[in-house]
Amino acid sequence: MDVTLPLTILGLILLIHLTFVNINIGLGFYSVILRWRSLSDIEAAKPARKVFKFLVATEVVSGVYGTMITVVLAGFWPTLVNIATIILFIPLLVSITGIIVRLTSIAAYWYTWDKVDAKIHLAIGLVMAFSGLAIPAGFRYIFAFIDNPAGLTSLNPISGNTIEALMNPVYPPLLLHTFFGALSIGFLAASAGLAWSSKIDKTVERWSGCAGLLGGLMIIPQGLTGFWFWSVLSFYSPYLFASLNKPFLPLQNSLMDVSYFFLGMVLLSIVILVFGIAHYYQPYRRWTAYILVPLSIAALIFGEIAHDIGRLPYMVIVGEAGVPVEIFINRLIFIEPTLIISTVSAILFFTAIFITLLYLYLIKGILEEL
């Protein structure tokens, strides 16, 4: 069975979902940072609200695509879902709990604004921000697992050791790399939004510059944890490591070459660092904030493509080989091109609608308000 088209659907939805989720996490932290600053500088209160409204909009979109991913995984890749729910149940429970706390605290953060003591409100905001990190904290175990299936003892029947799975050495660097990346892209999105808003309200201009600086500086710890993750792969996922470094390791047994995406991500990260610092010192140059968002999204996409396509033709890497993708596909349904094309078309259509609504909601409804 040709698995290219089902993989295309999963990959497309995953990239859109990860983009909005990462932006959302970073926006939450920057809104709380500004709320904290507003305790001593009242001018920070307005951008704190604007950034939070930005967060609410992206939360809705990321949630929709998260549901799509669940449906696609259950429909096309049931074996992978079975493995995750059996061996990685605890991490998934952490993510689900994080989602519940996140949504609840978002509502509490908004409806208690200026209605409770500022320090209590700030505490609610901290719960909102950190609960967002719990979501990737659980789901990243799945990515660590398919890089290095720690704890898996059998596929038929599915069995494994949950404790060993939780001790997966690939997980810590991957998680930290994800955290810093989310903060970076979220801060940069906030910078762009506030830069646009500064056309009407100059008081938010400096907060756009601060967001650009923080987003740029997050590249440094993200790069360090990325290097840690890269080095760990050489020991625990040599096939993926070879795919990432194909031109430099020509003798390694890898059928994929994703080194161009990997290097592209690194180069984009350097540019983001430079532009983020530049925007801090010259926040009136709004174009630097505008360009940082697509650059950061491109870096995220390049990194995910390198990480996920680098595993092919395997779904799960085991040393220098792996378990083929075909093992995980649902063979009870006939996956024909017309089904895939119609599904992809629907995804792109609704994505365009979401982007249009976000534009109207953010640009016309929030960022340009006085």
Protein backbone atom coordinates (compact mmCIF):
# COMPACT_ATOMS: atom_id res chain seq x y z
CA MET A 1 0.00 0.00 0.00
CA ASP A 2 1.27 3.47 -0.92
CA VAL A 3 1.63 5.43 2.31
CA THR A 4 2.89 8.67 0.76
CA LEU A 5 -0.52 10.34 0.60
CA PRO A 6 -1.61 9.48 4.18
CA LEU A 7 1.76 10.74 5.40
CA THR A 8 1.19 13.95 3.44
CA ILE A 9 -2.10 14.59 5.21
CA LEU A 10 -0.63 13.88 8.64
CA GLY A 11 2.40 16.05 7.93
CA LEU A 12 0.35 18.99 6.63
CA ILE A 13 -1.99 19.04 9.62
CA LEU A 14 0.91 18.55 12.03
CA LEU A 15 2.86 21.51 10.63
CA ILE A 16 -0.14 23.84 10.84
CA HIS A 17 -0.97 22.64 14.35
CA LEU A 18 2.59 22.97 15.64
CA THR A 19 2.88 26.47 14.20
CA PHE A 20 -0.18 27.74 16.07
CA VAL A 21 0.57 25.81 19.27
CA ASN A 22 4.11 27.18 19.50
CA ILE A 23 2.93 30.72 18.82
CA ASN A 24 0.22 30.26 21.42
CA ILE A 25 2.63 29.09 24.14
CA GLY A 26 4.99 32.01 23.59
CA LEU A 27 2.14 34.54 23.53
CA GLY A 28 0.96 33.26 26.90
CA PHE A 29 4.33 33.86 28.50
CA TYR A 30 4.77 37.31 26.97
CA SER A 31 1.31 38.40 28.09
CA VAL A 32 2.19 37.36 31.65
CA ILE A 33 5.56 39.12 31.43
CA LEU A 34 3.81 42.32 30.38
CA ARG A 35 1.20 41.86 33.11
CA TRP A 36 4.03 41.61 35.64
CA ARG A 37 5.65 44.74 34.21
CA SER A 38 2.32 46.57 34.43
CA LEU A 39 2.56 46.36 38.23
CA SER A 40 5.32 48.98 38.06
CA ASP A 41 4.70 50.43 34.59
CA ILE A 42 1.05 51.02 33.74
CA GLU A 43 1.89 51.40 30.03
CA ALA A 44 2.50 47.63 29.84
CA ALA A 45 -1.15 46.87 30.66
CA LYS A 46 -2.47 47.67 27.18
CA PRO A 47 -0.01 45.49 25.21
CA ALA A 48 -0.55 42.71 27.78
CA ARG A 49 -4.24 42.66 26.86
CA LYS A 50 -3.53 42.83 23.14
CA VAL A 51 -1.11 39.91 23.29
CA PHE A 52 -3.56 37.87 25.34
CA LYS A 53 -6.35 38.44 22.80
CA PHE A 54 -3.89 37.29 20.14
CA LEU A 55 -3.37 34.14 22.24
CA VAL A 56 -7.10 33.41 22.42
CA ALA A 57 -7.40 33.54 18.63
CA THR A 58 -4.51 31.14 18.05
CA GLU A 59 -5.76 28.82 20.81
CA VAL A 60 -8.96 28.23 18.86
CA VAL A 61 -7.12 27.40 15.64
CA SER A 62 -4.53 25.14 17.27
CA GLY A 63 -7.31 23.24 19.03
CA VAL A 64 -9.12 22.58 15.75
CA TYR A 65 -5.99 21.16 14.12
CA GLY A 66 -5.21 19.15 17.24
CA THR A 67 -8.58 17.46 16.80
CA MET A 68 -7.79 16.85 13.12
CA ILE A 69 -4.52 15.15 14.07
CA THR A 70 -6.37 12.84 16.48
CA VAL A 71 -8.86 11.85 13.78
CA VAL A 72 -6.16 11.26 11.14
CA LEU A 73 -4.01 9.20 13.53
CA ALA A 74 -6.96 7.08 14.63
CA GLY A 75 -8.15 6.59 11.04
CA PHE A 76 -4.89 6.06 9.15
CA TRP A 77 -2.38 5.05 11.85
CA PRO A 78 -4.25 3.00 14.51
CA THR A 79 -1.23 0.86 15.43
CA LEU A 80 0.77 3.94 16.39
CA VAL A 81 -2.17 5.20 18.45
CA ASN A 82 -2.41 1.82 20.21
CA ILE A 83 1.28 1.89 21.08
CA ALA A 84 1.02 5.45 22.40
CA THR A 85 -2.02 4.75 24.57
CA ILE A 86 -0.57 1.52 25.99
CA ILE A 87 3.07 2.44 26.60
CA LEU A 88 2.86 6.24 26.79
CA PHE A 89 -0.42 6.60 28.65
CA ILE A 90 1.08 8.66 31.50
CA PRO A 91 2.61 11.34 29.21
CA LEU A 92 -0.64 11.53 27.24
CA LEU A 93 -2.52 12.00 30.51
CA VAL A 94 -0.17 14.87 31.37
CA SER A 95 -0.95 16.53 28.03
CA ILE A 96 -4.71 16.10 28.44
CA THR A 97 -4.52 17.52 31.96
CA GLY A 98 -2.48 20.41 30.61
CA ILE A 99 -5.13 21.13 27.98
CA ILE A 100 -7.90 21.18 30.60
CA VAL A 101 -5.95 23.46 32.95
CA ARG A 102 -4.87 25.66 30.05
CA LEU A 103 -8.39 26.30 28.76
CA THR A 104 -9.75 26.85 32.26
CA SER A 105 -6.98 29.25 33.24
CA ILE A 106 -7.30 31.20 29.97
CA ALA A 107 -10.93 31.90 30.84
CA ALA A 108 -10.03 32.73 34.44
CA TYR A 109 -7.18 35.01 33.37
CA TRP A 110 -9.47 37.03 31.10
CA TYR A 111 -12.55 37.29 33.30
CA THR A 112 -10.61 38.21 36.45
CA TRP A 113 -8.63 40.98 34.75
CA ASP A 114 -8.97 44.14 36.90
CA LYS A 115 -11.51 42.29 39.08
CA VAL A 116 -9.08 40.68 41.55
CA ASP A 117 -5.86 41.78 43.18
CA ALA A 118 -3.11 42.25 40.59
CA LYS A 119 -0.83 39.68 42.24
CA ILE A 120 -3.61 37.08 42.31
CA HIS A 121 -4.29 37.78 38.66
CA LEU A 122 -0.60 37.38 37.91
CA ALA A 123 -0.62 34.00 39.68
CA ILE A 124 -3.54 32.91 37.48
CA GLY A 125 -1.53 34.04 34.46
CA LEU A 126 1.44 31.96 35.53
CA VAL A 127 -0.78 28.88 35.77
CA MET A 128 -2.09 29.69 32.29
CA ALA A 129 1.40 30.10 30.85
CA PHE A 130 3.03 27.04 32.41
CA SER A 131 0.06 24.76 31.75
CA GLY A 132 0.72 25.42 28.07
CA LEU A 133 4.11 23.75 28.46
CA ALA A 134 2.46 20.62 29.86
CA ILE A 135 0.85 19.95 26.48
CA PRO A 136 4.06 19.41 24.47
CA ALA A 137 5.66 17.87 27.58
CA GLY A 138 3.43 14.85 27.11
CA PHE A 139 3.13 14.68 23.35
CA ARG A 140 6.86 15.05 22.74
CA TYR A 141 7.26 11.62 24.32
CA ILE A 142 5.67 10.22 21.14
CA PHE A 143 8.29 11.92 18.97
CA ALA A 144 11.07 10.73 21.27
CA PHE A 145 9.59 7.23 21.12
CA ILE A 146 9.56 7.03 17.31
CA ASP A 147 13.17 8.24 17.31
CA ASN A 148 14.16 5.68 19.93
CA PRO A 149 11.42 3.22 21.04
CA ALA A 150 12.60 2.88 24.62
CA GLY A 151 10.41 0.48 26.58
CA LEU A 152 8.86 -1.27 23.57
CA THR A 153 9.24 -5.04 23.88
CA SER A 154 6.79 -6.33 21.26
CA LEU A 155 4.59 -5.06 18.44
CA ASN A 156 2.42 -8.18 18.20
CA PRO A 157 0.97 -8.15 20.74
CA ILE A 158 1.83 -4.59 21.75
CA SER A 159 3.66 -4.61 25.06
CA GLY A 160 6.31 -2.58 26.78
CA ASN A 161 7.77 -1.11 29.94
CA THR A 162 6.29 2.29 30.77
CA ILE A 163 9.10 3.21 33.17
CA GLU A 164 11.74 2.56 30.50
CA ALA A 165 9.70 4.61 28.04
CA LEU A 166 9.61 7.52 30.49
CA MET A 167 13.41 7.32 30.83
CA ASN A 168 13.97 7.72 27.07
CA PRO A 169 17.30 9.62 26.74
CA VAL A 170 16.08 11.34 23.56
CA TYR A 171 13.25 13.06 25.42
CA PRO A 172 14.97 15.71 27.64
CA PRO A 173 16.88 17.54 24.88
CA LEU A 174 13.91 17.29 22.50
CA LEU A 175 11.57 18.74 25.11
CA LEU A 176 13.84 21.64 26.06
CA HIS A 177 14.50 22.40 22.39
CA THR A 178 10.72 22.50 21.87
CA PHE A 179 10.15 24.78 24.87
CA PHE A 180 12.70 27.38 23.80
CA GLY A 181 11.48 27.21 20.21
CA ALA A 182 7.90 27.84 21.32
CA LEU A 183 8.95 30.83 23.39
CA SER A 184 10.96 32.21 20.48
CA ILE A 185 8.24 31.98 17.83
CA GLY A 186 5.57 33.22 20.27
CA PHE A 187 7.60 36.25 21.35
CA LEU A 188 8.30 37.08 17.70
CA ALA A 189 4.60 36.81 16.84
CA ALA A 190 3.86 39.20 19.71
CA SER A 191 6.55 41.54 18.41
CA ALA A 192 4.97 41.62 14.95
CA GLY A 193 1.47 42.18 16.34
CA LEU A 194 2.57 45.02 18.58
CA ALA A 195 4.64 46.52 15.75
CA TRP A 196 1.50 46.70 13.63
CA SER A 197 -0.42 48.17 16.55
CA SER A 198 2.27 50.82 17.05
CA LYS A 199 1.23 52.47 13.79
CA ILE A 200 -1.71 53.86 15.75
CA ASP A 201 -0.47 53.67 19.33
CA LYS A 202 3.22 54.51 19.74
CA THR A 203 3.20 53.50 23.40
CA VAL A 204 3.36 49.80 22.48
CA GLU A 205 6.37 50.25 20.19
CA ARG A 206 9.00 49.54 22.83
CA TRP A 207 7.18 46.40 23.92
CA SER A 208 7.39 45.18 20.35
CA GLY A 209 11.14 45.71 20.52
CA CYS A 210 11.38 43.83 23.83
CA ALA A 211 9.44 40.90 22.38
CA GLY A 212 11.74 40.85 19.36
CA LEU A 213 14.79 40.78 21.62
CA LEU A 214 13.44 37.97 23.78
CA GLY A 215 12.38 35.98 20.73
CA GLY A 216 15.78 36.40 19.16
CA LEU A 217 17.69 35.53 22.33
CA MET A 218 15.66 32.35 22.79
CA ILE A 219 17.52 31.07 19.73
CA ILE A 220 20.64 30.69 21.88
CA PRO A 221 19.28 28.13 24.40
CA GLN A 222 17.26 26.56 21.60
CA GLY A 223 20.46 26.09 19.62
CA LEU A 224 22.31 24.64 22.61
CA THR A 225 19.55 22.15 23.38
CA GLY A 226 19.29 21.42 19.66
CA PHE A 227 22.97 20.51 19.62
CA TRP A 228 22.37 18.27 22.64
CA PHE A 229 19.47 16.58 20.82
CA TRP A 230 21.59 16.18 17.66
CA SER A 231 24.42 14.54 19.62
CA VAL A 232 22.02 12.22 21.48
CA LEU A 233 20.60 11.03 18.15
CA SER A 234 24.06 9.82 17.13
CA PHE A 235 23.89 7.25 19.96
CA TYR A 236 20.21 6.36 20.17
CA SER A 237 18.87 7.04 16.67
CA PRO A 238 21.82 6.65 14.26
CA TYR A 239 19.59 6.27 11.18
CA LEU A 240 17.98 9.68 11.74
CA PHE A 241 21.36 11.16 12.64
CA ALA A 242 22.72 9.90 9.32
CA SER A 243 19.77 11.44 7.44
CA LEU A 244 20.47 14.81 9.05
CA ASN A 245 24.15 14.64 8.15
CA LYS A 246 24.06 12.73 4.85
CA PRO A 247 26.71 14.77 2.94
CA PHE A 248 29.12 14.49 5.86
CA LEU A 249 28.47 10.81 6.60
CA PRO A 250 28.21 9.25 3.13
CA LEU A 251 28.98 5.75 4.38
CA GLN A 252 26.09 5.69 6.82
CA ASN A 253 23.09 3.52 5.94
CA SER A 254 20.40 6.16 5.39
CA LEU A 255 17.99 6.33 2.45
CA MET A 256 16.99 9.94 3.13
CA ASP A 257 18.94 13.18 2.89
CA VAL A 258 17.34 15.99 4.89
CA SER A 259 20.59 17.83 5.55
CA TYR A 260 19.45 20.80 3.45
CA PHE A 261 16.42 21.34 5.67
CA PHE A 262 18.58 20.86 8.75
CA LEU A 263 21.16 23.41 7.61
CA GLY A 264 18.41 25.74 6.44
CA MET A 265 16.91 25.69 9.93
CA VAL A 266 20.30 26.54 11.45
CA LEU A 267 20.90 29.45 9.06
CA LEU A 268 17.40 30.84 9.59
CA SER A 269 17.95 30.68 13.34
CA ILE A 270 21.07 32.82 13.05
CA VAL A 271 19.19 35.38 10.96
CA ILE A 272 16.36 35.43 13.53
CA LEU A 273 18.84 36.09 16.34
CA VAL A 274 20.39 39.03 14.47
CA PHE A 275 17.08 40.55 13.38
CA GLY A 276 15.55 40.12 16.84
CA ILE A 277 18.36 42.09 18.45
CA ALA A 278 18.21 44.70 15.68
CA HIS A 279 14.48 45.22 16.22
CA TYR A 280 15.03 45.86 19.92
CA TYR A 281 17.35 48.77 19.17
CA GLN A 282 15.22 50.09 16.30
CA PRO A 283 11.60 49.13 17.08
CA TYR A 284 10.32 51.88 14.79
CA ARG A 285 11.52 49.76 11.84
CA ARG A 286 8.40 47.63 11.85
CA TRP A 287 9.42 45.56 8.84
CA THR A 288 12.01 43.72 10.93
CA ALA A 289 9.26 42.49 13.27
CA TYR A 290 7.05 41.54 10.32
CA ILE A 291 9.74 39.46 8.64
CA LEU A 292 10.72 37.65 11.83
CA VAL A 293 7.41 35.77 11.98
CA PRO A 294 7.65 34.02 8.57
CA LEU A 295 11.34 33.36 9.22
CA SER A 296 10.57 31.67 12.53
CA ILE A 297 7.71 29.66 11.01
CA ALA A 298 10.01 28.59 8.17
CA ALA A 299 12.66 27.51 10.70
CA LEU A 300 10.04 25.47 12.56
CA ILE A 301 8.85 23.82 9.34
CA PHE A 302 12.39 23.04 8.19
CA GLY A 303 13.17 21.47 11.56
CA GLU A 304 10.03 19.33 11.60
CA ILE A 305 10.57 18.20 8.00
CA ALA A 306 14.15 17.22 8.77
CA HIS A 307 13.08 15.38 11.90
CA ASP A 308 10.09 13.53 10.42
CA ILE A 309 11.08 12.86 6.80
CA GLY A 310 14.54 11.86 7.98
CA ARG A 311 13.01 8.70 9.47
CA LEU A 312 11.54 7.43 6.19
CA PRO A 313 10.91 4.74 5.02
CA TYR A 314 10.53 3.88 8.70
CA MET A 315 7.96 5.15 11.18
CA VAL A 316 9.95 4.06 14.23
CA ILE A 317 13.75 4.07 14.24
CA VAL A 318 15.57 1.11 15.77
CA GLY A 319 19.30 1.71 15.59
CA GLU A 320 20.45 1.92 11.97
CA ALA A 321 17.12 0.66 10.59
CA GLY A 322 13.56 0.66 11.87
CA VAL A 323 9.96 -0.48 11.63
CA PRO A 324 8.51 0.36 8.17
CA VAL A 325 5.69 2.86 7.87
CA GLU A 326 3.47 0.20 6.24
CA ILE A 327 3.26 -1.71 9.53
CA PHE A 328 1.32 1.16 11.11
CA ILE A 329 -1.14 1.97 8.31
CA ASN A 330 -4.83 1.04 8.57
CA ARG A 331 -5.38 -1.74 6.02
CA LEU A 332 -9.11 -1.95 6.62
CA ILE A 333 -9.82 1.16 4.57
CA PHE A 334 -9.03 1.76 0.92
CA ILE A 335 -6.98 4.93 0.68
CA GLU A 336 -7.38 6.25 -2.86
CA PRO A 337 -5.89 9.46 -4.31
CA THR A 338 -9.26 11.19 -4.68
CA LEU A 339 -9.90 10.77 -0.94
CA ILE A 340 -6.53 12.25 -0.07
CA ILE A 341 -6.82 15.11 -2.56
CA SER A 342 -10.27 16.06 -1.30
CA THR A 343 -9.04 15.91 2.30
CA VAL A 344 -5.99 18.08 1.60
CA SER A 345 -8.15 20.54 -0.35
CA ALA A 346 -10.57 20.80 2.57
CA ILE A 347 -7.70 21.37 5.00
CA LEU A 348 -6.22 24.14 2.86
CA PHE A 349 -9.65 25.71 2.33
CA PHE A 350 -10.43 25.89 6.03
CA THR A 351 -6.89 27.06 6.78
CA ALA A 352 -7.44 29.98 4.41
CA ILE A 353 -10.71 30.77 6.19
CA PHE A 354 -9.01 30.65 9.59
CA ILE A 355 -6.24 32.97 8.42
CA THR A 356 -8.80 35.41 7.00
CA LEU A 357 -10.77 35.39 10.24
CA LEU A 358 -7.57 35.85 12.25
CA TYR A 359 -6.70 38.84 10.09
CA LEU A 360 -10.10 40.43 10.64
CA TYR A 361 -10.10 39.62 14.35
CA LEU A 362 -6.54 40.69 15.08
CA ILE A 363 -5.71 43.44 12.61
CA LYS A 364 -9.10 45.09 12.36
CA GLY A 365 -10.50 44.15 15.75
CA ILE A 366 -7.61 44.32 18.21
CA LEU A 367 -4.27 45.56 16.97
CA GLU A 368 -5.66 48.69 15.35
CA GLU A 369 -7.93 49.64 18.24
CA LEU A 370 -6.98 52.67 20.27
